[in-house]
Amino acid sequence: MSSAKNYLAVHFKLDYVNANGDISNYYPNFIVKKNGDEIVIVETKGQADLDVPLKMQRLKLWCDDMNHVQQMVSYDFVYVDESNFGWYRPDSFSALMQSFIDYKNSNW
């Protein structure tokens, strides 16, 4: 497994409609390569804001679209908030993925 911090030079971003109804850019925090054909986009937050559900909706759609148009790499995502991270205290990335599923099951 390998990971990278997503920052402006990496330039992985998604456009989304923010809580004000404007188009904004969303830069997820981390990109994790679990193995040769699995990539997880990780978003972390200390404090949630009104845009979090909108960003997660967009990220879920992006992963679904990427998985639909190609089969070489599987894309997934996880949203990790600070309060639940302290509560669950996952001891592995797999445990983290299993614990933080709130936005996975949302149908918006």
PDB file of N, CA and C in Angstrom:
ATOM      1  N   MET A   1       0.856  -1.167   0.000  1.00  0.00           N
ATOM      2  CA  MET A   1       0.000   0.000   0.000  1.00  0.00           C
ATOM      3  C   MET A   1       0.900   1.227   0.000  1.00  0.00           C
ATOM      4  N   SER A   2       0.468   2.246  -0.738  1.00  0.00           N
ATOM      5  CA  SER A   2       1.184   3.513  -0.750  1.00  0.00           C
ATOM      6  C   SER A   2       0.162   4.642  -0.721  1.00  0.00           C
ATOM      7  N   SER A   3       0.606   5.814  -0.306  1.00  0.00           N
ATOM      8  CA  SER A   3      -0.314   6.948  -0.226  1.00  0.00           C
ATOM      9  C   SER A   3       0.405   8.236  -0.581  1.00  0.00           C
ATOM     10  N   ALA A   4      -0.379   9.232  -0.934  1.00  0.00           N
ATOM     11  CA  ALA A   4       0.165  10.546  -1.255  1.00  0.00           C
ATOM     12  C   ALA A   4      -0.807  11.608  -0.780  1.00  0.00           C
ATOM     13  N   LYS A   5      -0.261  12.684  -0.277  1.00  0.00           N
ATOM     14  CA  LYS A   5      -1.062  13.857   0.067  1.00  0.00           C
ATOM     15  C   LYS A   5      -1.403  14.569  -1.229  1.00  0.00           C
ATOM     16  N   ASN A   6      -2.660  14.870  -1.409  1.00  0.00           N
ATOM     17  CA  ASN A   6      -3.095  15.602  -2.593  1.00  0.00           C
ATOM     18  C   ASN A   6      -2.949  17.091  -2.301  1.00  0.00           C
ATOM     19  N   TYR A   7      -2.113  17.747  -3.040  1.00  0.00           N
ATOM     20  CA  TYR A   7      -1.943  19.188  -2.866  1.00  0.00           C
ATOM     21  C   TYR A   7      -1.995  19.836  -4.240  1.00  0.00           C
ATOM     22  N   LEU A   8      -1.910  21.138  -4.286  1.00  0.00           N
ATOM     23  CA  LEU A   8      -2.167  21.852  -5.541  1.00  0.00           C
ATOM     24  C   LEU A   8      -1.280  21.404  -6.692  1.00  0.00           C
ATOM     25  N   ALA A   9      -0.026  21.018  -6.413  1.00  0.00           N
ATOM     26  CA  ALA A   9       0.857  20.573  -7.494  1.00  0.00           C
ATOM     27  C   ALA A   9       0.404  19.240  -8.093  1.00  0.00           C
ATOM     28  N   VAL A  10      -0.232  18.381  -7.302  1.00  0.00           N
ATOM     29  CA  VAL A  10      -0.784  17.129  -7.819  1.00  0.00           C
ATOM     30  C   VAL A  10      -1.973  17.455  -8.722  1.00  0.00           C
ATOM     31  N   HIS A  11      -2.755  18.396  -8.293  1.00  0.00           N
ATOM     32  CA  HIS A  11      -3.861  18.964  -9.067  1.00  0.00           C
ATOM     33  C   HIS A  11      -5.003  17.979  -9.336  1.00  0.00           C
ATOM     34  N   PHE A  12      -5.218  17.041  -8.425  1.00  0.00           N
ATOM     35  CA  PHE A  12      -6.403  16.190  -8.530  1.00  0.00           C
ATOM     36  C   PHE A  12      -7.535  16.929  -7.841  1.00  0.00           C
ATOM     37  N   LYS A  13      -8.502  17.338  -8.624  1.00  0.00           N
ATOM     38  CA  LYS A  13      -9.624  18.088  -8.086  1.00  0.00           C
ATOM     39  C   LYS A  13     -10.906  17.678  -8.782  1.00  0.00           C
ATOM     40  N   LEU A  14     -12.000  17.932  -8.101  1.00  0.00           N
ATOM     41  CA  LEU A  14     -13.331  17.696  -8.654  1.00  0.00           C
ATOM     42  C   LEU A  14     -14.113  18.991  -8.538  1.00  0.00           C
ATOM     43  N   ASP A  15     -14.863  19.314  -9.552  1.00  0.00           N
ATOM     44  CA  ASP A  15     -15.754  20.462  -9.429  1.00  0.00           C
ATOM     45  C   ASP A  15     -17.067  19.966  -8.819  1.00  0.00           C
ATOM     46  N   TYR A  16     -17.704  20.830  -8.051  1.00  0.00           N
ATOM     47  CA  TYR A  16     -18.973  20.477  -7.420  1.00  0.00           C
ATOM     48  C   TYR A  16     -19.760  21.762  -7.183  1.00  0.00           C
ATOM     49  N   VAL A  17     -21.027  21.625  -6.916  1.00  0.00           N
ATOM     50  CA  VAL A  17     -21.872  22.772  -6.597  1.00  0.00           C
ATOM     51  C   VAL A  17     -21.906  22.895  -5.079  1.00  0.00           C
ATOM     52  N   ASN A  18     -21.388  24.015  -4.570  1.00  0.00           N
ATOM     53  CA  ASN A  18     -21.290  24.197  -3.122  1.00  0.00           C
ATOM     54  C   ASN A  18     -22.632  24.608  -2.508  1.00  0.00           C
ATOM     55  N   ALA A  19     -22.635  24.803  -1.199  1.00  0.00           N
ATOM     56  CA  ALA A  19     -23.865  25.111  -0.463  1.00  0.00           C
ATOM     57  C   ALA A  19     -24.485  26.438  -0.883  1.00  0.00           C
ATOM     58  N   ASN A  20     -23.697  27.325  -1.458  1.00  0.00           N
ATOM     59  CA  ASN A  20     -24.225  28.601  -1.956  1.00  0.00           C
ATOM     60  C   ASN A  20     -24.772  28.495  -3.377  1.00  0.00           C
ATOM     61  N   GLY A  21     -24.621  27.323  -3.999  1.00  0.00           N
ATOM     62  CA  GLY A  21     -25.081  27.128  -5.361  1.00  0.00           C
ATOM     63  C   GLY A  21     -24.052  27.487  -6.413  1.00  0.00           C
ATOM     64  N   ASP A  22     -22.840  27.817  -5.979  1.00  0.00           N
ATOM     65  CA  ASP A  22     -21.758  28.159  -6.902  1.00  0.00           C
ATOM     66  C   ASP A  22     -20.921  26.928  -7.223  1.00  0.00           C
ATOM     67  N   ILE A  23     -20.260  26.936  -8.366  1.00  0.00           N
ATOM     68  CA  ILE A  23     -19.338  25.855  -8.705  1.00  0.00           C
ATOM     69  C   ILE A  23     -18.002  26.130  -8.025  1.00  0.00           C
ATOM     70  N   SER A  24     -17.509  25.131  -7.312  1.00  0.00           N
ATOM     71  CA  SER A  24     -16.241  25.231  -6.591  1.00  0.00           C
ATOM     72  C   SER A  24     -15.366  24.044  -6.951  1.00  0.00           C
ATOM     73  N   ASN A  25     -14.113  24.138  -6.593  1.00  0.00           N
ATOM     74  CA  ASN A  25     -13.180  23.026  -6.748  1.00  0.00           C
ATOM     75  C   ASN A  25     -12.982  22.345  -5.404  1.00  0.00           C
ATOM     76  N   TYR A  26     -12.943  21.041  -5.450  1.00  0.00           N
ATOM     77  CA  TYR A  26     -12.744  20.222  -4.256  1.00  0.00           C
ATOM     78  C   TYR A  26     -11.477  19.409  -4.451  1.00  0.00           C
ATOM     79  N   TYR A  27     -10.537  19.553  -3.545  1.00  0.00           N
ATOM     80  CA  TYR A  27      -9.279  18.813  -3.565  1.00  0.00           C
ATOM     81  C   TYR A  27      -9.300  17.803  -2.419  1.00  0.00           C
ATOM     82  N   PRO A  28      -9.569  16.530  -2.677  1.00  0.00           N
ATOM     83  CA  PRO A  28      -9.534  15.527  -1.611  1.00  0.00           C
ATOM     84  C   PRO A  28      -8.154  15.506  -0.948  1.00  0.00           C
ATOM     85  N   ASN A  29      -8.096  15.044   0.305  1.00  0.00           N
ATOM     86  CA  ASN A  29      -6.860  15.118   1.076  1.00  0.00           C
ATOM     87  C   ASN A  29      -5.784  14.121   0.675  1.00  0.00           C
ATOM     88  N   PHE A  30      -6.160  12.865   0.470  1.00  0.00           N
ATOM     89  CA  PHE A  30      -5.167  11.819   0.221  1.00  0.00           C
ATOM     90  C   PHE A  30      -5.617  10.878  -0.888  1.00  0.00           C
ATOM     91  N   ILE A  31      -4.644  10.267  -1.523  1.00  0.00           N
ATOM     92  CA  ILE A  31      -4.881   9.222  -2.512  1.00  0.00           C
ATOM     93  C   ILE A  31      -4.109   8.000  -2.017  1.00  0.00           C
ATOM     94  N   VAL A  32      -4.808   6.898  -1.824  1.00  0.00           N
ATOM     95  CA  VAL A  32      -4.198   5.675  -1.308  1.00  0.00           C
ATOM     96  C   VAL A  32      -4.295   4.586  -2.366  1.00  0.00           C
ATOM     97  N   LYS A  33      -3.164   4.013  -2.693  1.00  0.00           N
ATOM     98  CA  LYS A  33      -3.134   2.884  -3.627  1.00  0.00           C
ATOM     99  C   LYS A  33      -3.001   1.622  -2.785  1.00  0.00           C
ATOM    100  N   LYS A  34      -4.100   0.870  -2.670  1.00  0.00           N
ATOM    101  CA  LYS A  34      -4.093  -0.329  -1.838  1.00  0.00           C
ATOM    102  C   LYS A  34      -3.265  -1.431  -2.471  1.00  0.00           C
ATOM    103  N   ASN A  35      -3.398  -1.606  -3.752  1.00  0.00           N
ATOM    104  CA  ASN A  35      -2.592  -2.566  -4.506  1.00  0.00           C
ATOM    105  C   ASN A  35      -2.603  -2.088  -5.951  1.00  0.00           C
ATOM    106  N   GLY A  36      -2.197  -2.910  -6.853  1.00  0.00           N
ATOM    107  CA  GLY A  36      -2.088  -2.480  -8.235  1.00  0.00           C
ATOM    108  C   GLY A  36      -3.371  -2.049  -8.895  1.00  0.00           C
ATOM    109  N   ASP A  37      -4.511  -2.482  -8.383  1.00  0.00           N
ATOM    110  CA  ASP A  37      -5.762  -2.151  -9.065  1.00  0.00           C
ATOM    111  C   ASP A  37      -6.850  -1.599  -8.146  1.00  0.00           C
ATOM    112  N   GLU A  38      -6.468  -1.088  -6.974  1.00  0.00           N
ATOM    113  CA  GLU A  38      -7.434  -0.471  -6.058  1.00  0.00           C
ATOM    114  C   GLU A  38      -6.894   0.865  -5.561  1.00  0.00           C
ATOM    115  N   ILE A  39      -7.668   1.928  -5.788  1.00  0.00           N
ATOM    116  CA  ILE A  39      -7.297   3.256  -5.316  1.00  0.00           C
ATOM    117  C   ILE A  39      -8.445   3.811  -4.481  1.00  0.00           C
ATOM    118  N   VAL A  40      -8.094   4.369  -3.328  1.00  0.00           N
ATOM    119  CA  VAL A  40      -9.079   4.959  -2.429  1.00  0.00           C
ATOM    120  C   VAL A  40      -8.760   6.441  -2.266  1.00  0.00           C
ATOM    121  N   ILE A  41      -9.763   7.266  -2.464  1.00  0.00           N
ATOM    122  CA  ILE A  41      -9.635   8.695  -2.237  1.00  0.00           C
ATOM    123  C   ILE A  41     -10.115   8.957  -0.808  1.00  0.00           C
ATOM    124  N   VAL A  42      -9.272   9.623  -0.015  1.00  0.00           N
ATOM    125  CA  VAL A  42      -9.560   9.826   1.410  1.00  0.00           C
ATOM    126  C   VAL A  42      -9.763  11.310   1.695  1.00  0.00           C
ATOM    127  N   GLU A  43     -10.876  11.612   2.332  1.00  0.00           N
ATOM    128  CA  GLU A  43     -11.151  12.968   2.800  1.00  0.00           C
ATOM    129  C   GLU A  43     -11.170  12.948   4.329  1.00  0.00           C
ATOM    130  N   THR A  44     -10.462  13.866   4.945  1.00  0.00           N
ATOM    131  CA  THR A  44     -10.437  13.974   6.403  1.00  0.00           C
ATOM    132  C   THR A  44     -10.953  15.353   6.802  1.00  0.00           C
ATOM    133  N   LYS A  45     -11.614  15.414   7.937  1.00  0.00           N
ATOM    134  CA  LYS A  45     -12.150  16.686   8.431  1.00  0.00           C
ATOM    135  C   LYS A  45     -12.061  16.735   9.943  1.00  0.00           C
ATOM    136  N   GLY A  46     -11.643  17.899  10.437  1.00  0.00           N
ATOM    137  CA  GLY A  46     -11.687  18.151  11.870  1.00  0.00           C
ATOM    138  C   GLY A  46     -13.082  18.591  12.276  1.00  0.00           C
ATOM    139  N   GLN A  47     -13.677  19.444  11.460  1.00  0.00           N
ATOM    140  CA  GLN A  47     -15.018  19.945  11.723  1.00  0.00           C
ATOM    141  C   GLN A  47     -15.779  20.007  10.404  1.00  0.00           C
ATOM    142  N   ALA A  48     -16.934  19.403  10.376  1.00  0.00           N
ATOM    143  CA  ALA A  48     -17.733  19.364   9.143  1.00  0.00           C
ATOM    144  C   ALA A  48     -18.352  20.730   8.858  1.00  0.00           C
ATOM    145  N   ASP A  49     -18.519  21.022   7.588  1.00  0.00           N
ATOM    146  CA  ASP A  49     -19.211  22.235   7.176  1.00  0.00           C
ATOM    147  C   ASP A  49     -20.326  21.859   6.208  1.00  0.00           C
ATOM    148  N   LEU A  50     -21.049  22.836   5.729  1.00  0.00           N
ATOM    149  CA  LEU A  50     -22.198  22.571   4.857  1.00  0.00           C
ATOM    150  C   LEU A  50     -21.813  21.928   3.535  1.00  0.00           C
ATOM    151  N   ASP A  51     -20.572  22.098   3.114  1.00  0.00           N
ATOM    152  CA  ASP A  51     -20.149  21.548   1.830  1.00  0.00           C
ATOM    153  C   ASP A  51     -19.739  20.075   1.897  1.00  0.00           C
ATOM    154  N   VAL A  52     -19.516  19.542   3.083  1.00  0.00           N
ATOM    155  CA  VAL A  52     -19.043  18.153   3.183  1.00  0.00           C
ATOM    156  C   VAL A  52     -19.975  17.173   2.473  1.00  0.00           C
ATOM    157  N   PRO A  53     -21.281  17.171   2.745  1.00  0.00           N
ATOM    158  CA  PRO A  53     -22.145  16.212   2.035  1.00  0.00           C
ATOM    159  C   PRO A  53     -22.112  16.400   0.522  1.00  0.00           C
ATOM    160  N   LEU A  54     -22.000  17.646   0.075  1.00  0.00           N
ATOM    161  CA  LEU A  54     -21.959  17.923  -1.358  1.00  0.00           C
ATOM    162  C   LEU A  54     -20.665  17.403  -1.982  1.00  0.00           C
ATOM    163  N   LYS A  55     -19.569  17.569  -1.274  1.00  0.00           N
ATOM    164  CA  LYS A  55     -18.282  17.051  -1.758  1.00  0.00           C
ATOM    165  C   LYS A  55     -18.305  15.528  -1.799  1.00  0.00           C
ATOM    166  N   MET A  56     -18.863  14.898  -0.781  1.00  0.00           N
ATOM    167  CA  MET A  56     -18.896  13.438  -0.732  1.00  0.00           C
ATOM    168  C   MET A  56     -19.830  12.882  -1.796  1.00  0.00           C
ATOM    169  N   GLN A  57     -20.918  13.584  -2.056  1.00  0.00           N
ATOM    170  CA  GLN A  57     -21.824  13.173  -3.133  1.00  0.00           C
ATOM    171  C   GLN A  57     -21.089  13.213  -4.468  1.00  0.00           C
ATOM    172  N   ARG A  58     -20.330  14.265  -4.685  1.00  0.00           N
ATOM    173  CA  ARG A  58     -19.573  14.403  -5.933  1.00  0.00           C
ATOM    174  C   ARG A  58     -18.484  13.351  -6.039  1.00  0.00           C
ATOM    175  N   LEU A  59     -17.790  13.094  -4.933  1.00  0.00           N
ATOM    176  CA  LEU A  59     -16.728  12.087  -4.932  1.00  0.00           C
ATOM    177  C   LEU A  59     -17.291  10.690  -5.182  1.00  0.00           C
ATOM    178  N   LYS A  60     -18.423  10.391  -4.582  1.00  0.00           N
ATOM    179  CA  LYS A  60     -19.064   9.093  -4.814  1.00  0.00           C
ATOM    180  C   LYS A  60     -19.447   8.947  -6.287  1.00  0.00           C
ATOM    181  N   LEU A  61     -20.006   9.991  -6.865  1.00  0.00           N
ATOM    182  CA  LEU A  61     -20.378   9.963  -8.276  1.00  0.00           C
ATOM    183  C   LEU A  61     -19.146   9.777  -9.155  1.00  0.00           C
ATOM    184  N   TRP A  62     -18.058  10.474  -8.833  1.00  0.00           N
ATOM    185  CA  TRP A  62     -16.824  10.348  -9.600  1.00  0.00           C
ATOM    186  C   TRP A  62     -16.305   8.907  -9.549  1.00  0.00           C
ATOM    187  N   CYS A  63     -16.270   8.306  -8.362  1.00  0.00           N
ATOM    188  CA  CYS A  63     -15.814   6.913  -8.232  1.00  0.00           C
ATOM    189  C   CYS A  63     -16.717   5.975  -9.029  1.00  0.00           C
ATOM    190  N   ASP A  64     -18.023   6.157  -8.908  1.00  0.00           N
ATOM    191  CA  ASP A  64     -18.967   5.318  -9.659  1.00  0.00           C
ATOM    192  C   ASP A  64     -18.738   5.462 -11.165  1.00  0.00           C
ATOM    193  N   ASP A  65     -18.559   6.698 -11.625  1.00  0.00           N
ATOM    194  CA  ASP A  65     -18.314   6.934 -13.050  1.00  0.00           C
ATOM    195  C   ASP A  65     -17.019   6.281 -13.509  1.00  0.00           C
ATOM    196  N   MET A  66     -15.953   6.441 -12.732  1.00  0.00           N
ATOM    197  CA  MET A  66     -14.660   5.852 -13.097  1.00  0.00           C
ATOM    198  C   MET A  66     -14.747   4.328 -13.147  1.00  0.00           C
ATOM    199  N   ASN A  67     -15.465   3.739 -12.215  1.00  0.00           N
ATOM    200  CA  ASN A  67     -15.620   2.280 -12.197  1.00  0.00           C
ATOM    201  C   ASN A  67     -16.505   1.789 -13.331  1.00  0.00           C
ATOM    202  N   HIS A  68     -17.378   2.643 -13.794  1.00  0.00           N
ATOM    203  CA  HIS A  68     -18.281   2.271 -14.891  1.00  0.00           C
ATOM    204  C   HIS A  68     -17.577   2.307 -16.249  1.00  0.00           C
ATOM    205  N   VAL A  69     -16.700   3.284 -16.468  1.00  0.00           N
ATOM    206  CA  VAL A  69     -16.097   3.461 -17.790  1.00  0.00           C
ATOM    207  C   VAL A  69     -14.838   2.626 -18.004  1.00  0.00           C
ATOM    208  N   GLN A  70     -14.313   2.016 -16.958  1.00  0.00           N
ATOM    209  CA  GLN A  70     -13.116   1.188 -17.113  1.00  0.00           C
ATOM    210  C   GLN A  70     -13.106   0.134 -16.001  1.00  0.00           C
ATOM    211  N   GLN A  71     -12.370  -0.947 -16.222  1.00  0.00           N
ATOM    212  CA  GLN A  71     -12.311  -2.022 -15.242  1.00  0.00           C
ATOM    213  C   GLN A  71     -10.877  -2.326 -14.777  1.00  0.00           C
ATOM    214  N   MET A  72      -9.917  -1.559 -15.238  1.00  0.00           N
ATOM    215  CA  MET A  72      -8.520  -1.838 -14.877  1.00  0.00           C
ATOM    216  C   MET A  72      -8.207  -1.462 -13.434  1.00  0.00           C
ATOM    217  N   VAL A  73      -8.826  -0.400 -12.940  1.00  0.00           N
ATOM    218  CA  VAL A  73      -8.586   0.081 -11.584  1.00  0.00           C
ATOM    219  C   VAL A  73      -9.933   0.286 -10.904  1.00  0.00           C
ATOM    220  N   SER A  74     -10.022  -0.137  -9.653  1.00  0.00           N
ATOM    221  CA  SER A  74     -11.229   0.067  -8.862  1.00  0.00           C
ATOM    222  C   SER A  74     -11.025   1.293  -7.981  1.00  0.00           C
ATOM    223  N   TYR A  75     -11.971   2.233  -8.047  1.00  0.00           N
ATOM    224  CA  TYR A  75     -11.901   3.459  -7.254  1.00  0.00           C
ATOM    225  C   TYR A  75     -12.938   3.418  -6.138  1.00  0.00           C
ATOM    226  N   ASP A  76     -12.520   3.859  -4.967  1.00  0.00           N
ATOM    227  CA  ASP A  76     -13.394   3.918  -3.806  1.00  0.00           C
ATOM    228  C   ASP A  76     -13.049   5.187  -3.036  1.00  0.00           C
ATOM    229  N   PHE A  77     -13.830   5.503  -2.026  1.00  0.00           N
ATOM    230  CA  PHE A  77     -13.553   6.686  -1.216  1.00  0.00           C
ATOM    231  C   PHE A  77     -13.935   6.420   0.230  1.00  0.00           C
ATOM    232  N   VAL A  78     -13.405   7.257   1.101  1.00  0.00           N
ATOM    233  CA  VAL A  78     -13.770   7.197   2.513  1.00  0.00           C
ATOM    234  C   VAL A  78     -13.676   8.599   3.093  1.00  0.00           C
ATOM    235  N   TYR A  79     -14.655   8.937   3.923  1.00  0.00           N
ATOM    236  CA  TYR A  79     -14.673  10.210   4.639  1.00  0.00           C
ATOM    237  C   TYR A  79     -14.386   9.913   6.104  1.00  0.00           C
ATOM    238  N   VAL A  80     -13.332  10.519   6.624  1.00  0.00           N
ATOM    239  CA  VAL A  80     -12.909  10.282   8.007  1.00  0.00           C
ATOM    240  C   VAL A  80     -13.018  11.583   8.785  1.00  0.00           C
ATOM    241  N   ASP A  81     -13.940  11.621   9.734  1.00  0.00           N
ATOM    242  CA  ASP A  81     -14.053  12.806  10.576  1.00  0.00           C
ATOM    243  C   ASP A  81     -13.344  12.563  11.904  1.00  0.00           C
ATOM    244  N   GLU A  82     -12.820  13.638  12.462  1.00  0.00           N
ATOM    245  CA  GLU A  82     -11.966  13.545  13.645  1.00  0.00           C
ATOM    246  C   GLU A  82     -12.669  12.927  14.846  1.00  0.00           C
ATOM    247  N   SER A  83     -13.906  13.308  15.110  1.00  0.00           N
ATOM    248  CA  SER A  83     -14.587  12.790  16.304  1.00  0.00           C
ATOM    249  C   SER A  83     -14.803  11.282  16.214  1.00  0.00           C
ATOM    250  N   ASN A  84     -15.234  10.777  15.066  1.00  0.00           N
ATOM    251  CA  ASN A  84     -15.431   9.335  14.923  1.00  0.00           C
ATOM    252  C   ASN A  84     -14.105   8.584  14.847  1.00  0.00           C
ATOM    253  N   PHE A  85     -13.076   9.230  14.332  1.00  0.00           N
ATOM    254  CA  PHE A  85     -11.768   8.584  14.313  1.00  0.00           C
ATOM    255  C   PHE A  85     -11.319   8.299  15.746  1.00  0.00           C
ATOM    256  N   GLY A  86     -11.545   9.249  16.642  1.00  0.00           N
ATOM    257  CA  GLY A  86     -11.221   9.037  18.053  1.00  0.00           C
ATOM    258  C   GLY A  86     -12.087   7.976  18.701  1.00  0.00           C
ATOM    259  N   TRP A  87     -13.317   7.857  18.231  1.00  0.00           N
ATOM    260  CA  TRP A  87     -14.246   6.868  18.779  1.00  0.00           C
ATOM    261  C   TRP A  87     -13.916   5.453  18.285  1.00  0.00           C
ATOM    262  N   TYR A  88     -13.764   5.285  16.974  1.00  0.00           N
ATOM    263  CA  TYR A  88     -13.523   3.960  16.395  1.00  0.00           C
ATOM    264  C   TYR A  88     -12.086   3.488  16.584  1.00  0.00           C
ATOM    265  N   ARG A  89     -11.137   4.390  16.490  1.00  0.00           N
ATOM    266  CA  ARG A  89      -9.714   4.076  16.606  1.00  0.00           C
ATOM    267  C   ARG A  89      -9.317   2.865  15.754  1.00  0.00           C
ATOM    268  N   PRO A  90      -9.506   2.964  14.442  1.00  0.00           N
ATOM    269  CA  PRO A  90      -9.155   1.826  13.574  1.00  0.00           C
ATOM    270  C   PRO A  90      -7.660   1.540  13.632  1.00  0.00           C
ATOM    271  N   ASP A  91      -7.329   0.255  13.606  1.00  0.00           N
ATOM    272  CA  ASP A  91      -5.916  -0.141  13.711  1.00  0.00           C
ATOM    273  C   ASP A  91      -5.330  -0.554  12.363  1.00  0.00           C
ATOM    274  N   SER A  92      -6.111  -0.399  11.303  1.00  0.00           N
ATOM    275  CA  SER A  92      -5.625  -0.703   9.959  1.00  0.00           C
ATOM    276  C   SER A  92      -6.453   0.098   8.956  1.00  0.00           C
ATOM    277  N   PHE A  93      -5.946   0.182   7.749  1.00  0.00           N
ATOM    278  CA  PHE A  93      -6.699   0.887   6.717  1.00  0.00           C
ATOM    279  C   PHE A  93      -7.990   0.142   6.402  1.00  0.00           C
ATOM    280  N   SER A  94      -7.937  -1.161   6.435  1.00  0.00           N
ATOM    281  CA  SER A  94      -9.135  -1.969   6.205  1.00  0.00           C
ATOM    282  C   SER A  94     -10.197  -1.677   7.264  1.00  0.00           C
ATOM    283  N   ALA A  95      -9.790  -1.576   8.521  1.00  0.00           N
ATOM    284  CA  ALA A  95     -10.727  -1.250   9.601  1.00  0.00           C
ATOM    285  C   ALA A  95     -11.287   0.152   9.424  1.00  0.00           C
ATOM    286  N   LEU A  96     -10.469   1.072   8.960  1.00  0.00           N
ATOM    287  CA  LEU A  96     -10.926   2.434   8.689  1.00  0.00           C
ATOM    288  C   LEU A  96     -12.008   2.414   7.616  1.00  0.00           C
ATOM    289  N   MET A  97     -11.767   1.671   6.558  1.00  0.00           N
ATOM    290  CA  MET A  97     -12.741   1.580   5.458  1.00  0.00           C
ATOM    291  C   MET A  97     -14.059   0.958   5.926  1.00  0.00           C
ATOM    292  N   GLN A  98     -13.988   0.017   6.840  1.00  0.00           N
ATOM    293  CA  GLN A  98     -15.196  -0.642   7.331  1.00  0.00           C
ATOM    294  C   GLN A  98     -15.959   0.208   8.337  1.00  0.00           C
ATOM    295  N   SER A  99     -15.257   1.083   9.053  1.00  0.00           N
ATOM    296  CA  SER A  99     -15.880   1.890  10.099  1.00  0.00           C
ATOM    297  C   SER A  99     -16.532   3.154   9.557  1.00  0.00           C
ATOM    298  N   PHE A 100     -15.953   3.757   8.549  1.00  0.00           N
ATOM    299  CA  PHE A 100     -16.416   5.053   8.055  1.00  0.00           C
ATOM    300  C   PHE A 100     -17.192   4.865   6.748  1.00  0.00           C
ATOM    301  N   ILE A 101     -18.477   4.584   6.909  1.00  0.00           N
ATOM    302  CA  ILE A 101     -19.308   4.250   5.743  1.00  0.00           C
ATOM    303  C   ILE A 101     -20.506   5.183   5.580  1.00  0.00           C
ATOM    304  N   ASP A 102     -20.580   6.234   6.383  1.00  0.00           N
ATOM    305  CA  ASP A 102     -21.765   7.107   6.353  1.00  0.00           C
ATOM    306  C   ASP A 102     -22.123   7.565   4.945  1.00  0.00           C
ATOM    307  N   TYR A 103     -21.176   8.071   4.212  1.00  0.00           N
ATOM    308  CA  TYR A 103     -21.476   8.615   2.889  1.00  0.00           C
ATOM    309  C   TYR A 103     -21.520   7.543   1.800  1.00  0.00           C
ATOM    310  N   LYS A 104     -21.099   6.345   2.109  1.00  0.00           N
ATOM    311  CA  LYS A 104     -21.181   5.251   1.140  1.00  0.00           C
ATOM    312  C   LYS A 104     -22.624   4.827   0.911  1.00  0.00           C
ATOM    313  N   ASN A 105     -23.404   4.843   1.964  1.00  0.00           N
ATOM    314  CA  ASN A 105     -24.763   4.346   1.891  1.00  0.00           C
ATOM    315  C   ASN A 105     -25.792   5.427   1.609  1.00  0.00           C
ATOM    316  N   SER A 106     -25.334   6.650   1.424  1.00  0.00           N
ATOM    317  CA  SER A 106     -26.260   7.750   1.161  1.00  0.00           C
ATOM    318  C   SER A 106     -26.743   7.698  -0.288  1.00  0.00           C
ATOM    319  N   ASN A 107     -28.009   7.916  -0.457  1.00  0.00           N
ATOM    320  CA  ASN A 107     -28.588   7.934  -1.807  1.00  0.00           C
ATOM    321  C   ASN A 107     -28.883   9.344  -2.286  1.00  0.00           C
ATOM    322  N   TRP A 108     -28.749  10.309  -1.426  1.00  0.00           N
ATOM    323  CA  TRP A 108     -28.998  11.718  -1.742  1.00  0.00           C
ATOM    324  C   TRP A 108     -30.241  11.828  -2.556  1.00  0.00           C
TER     325      TRP A 108
END
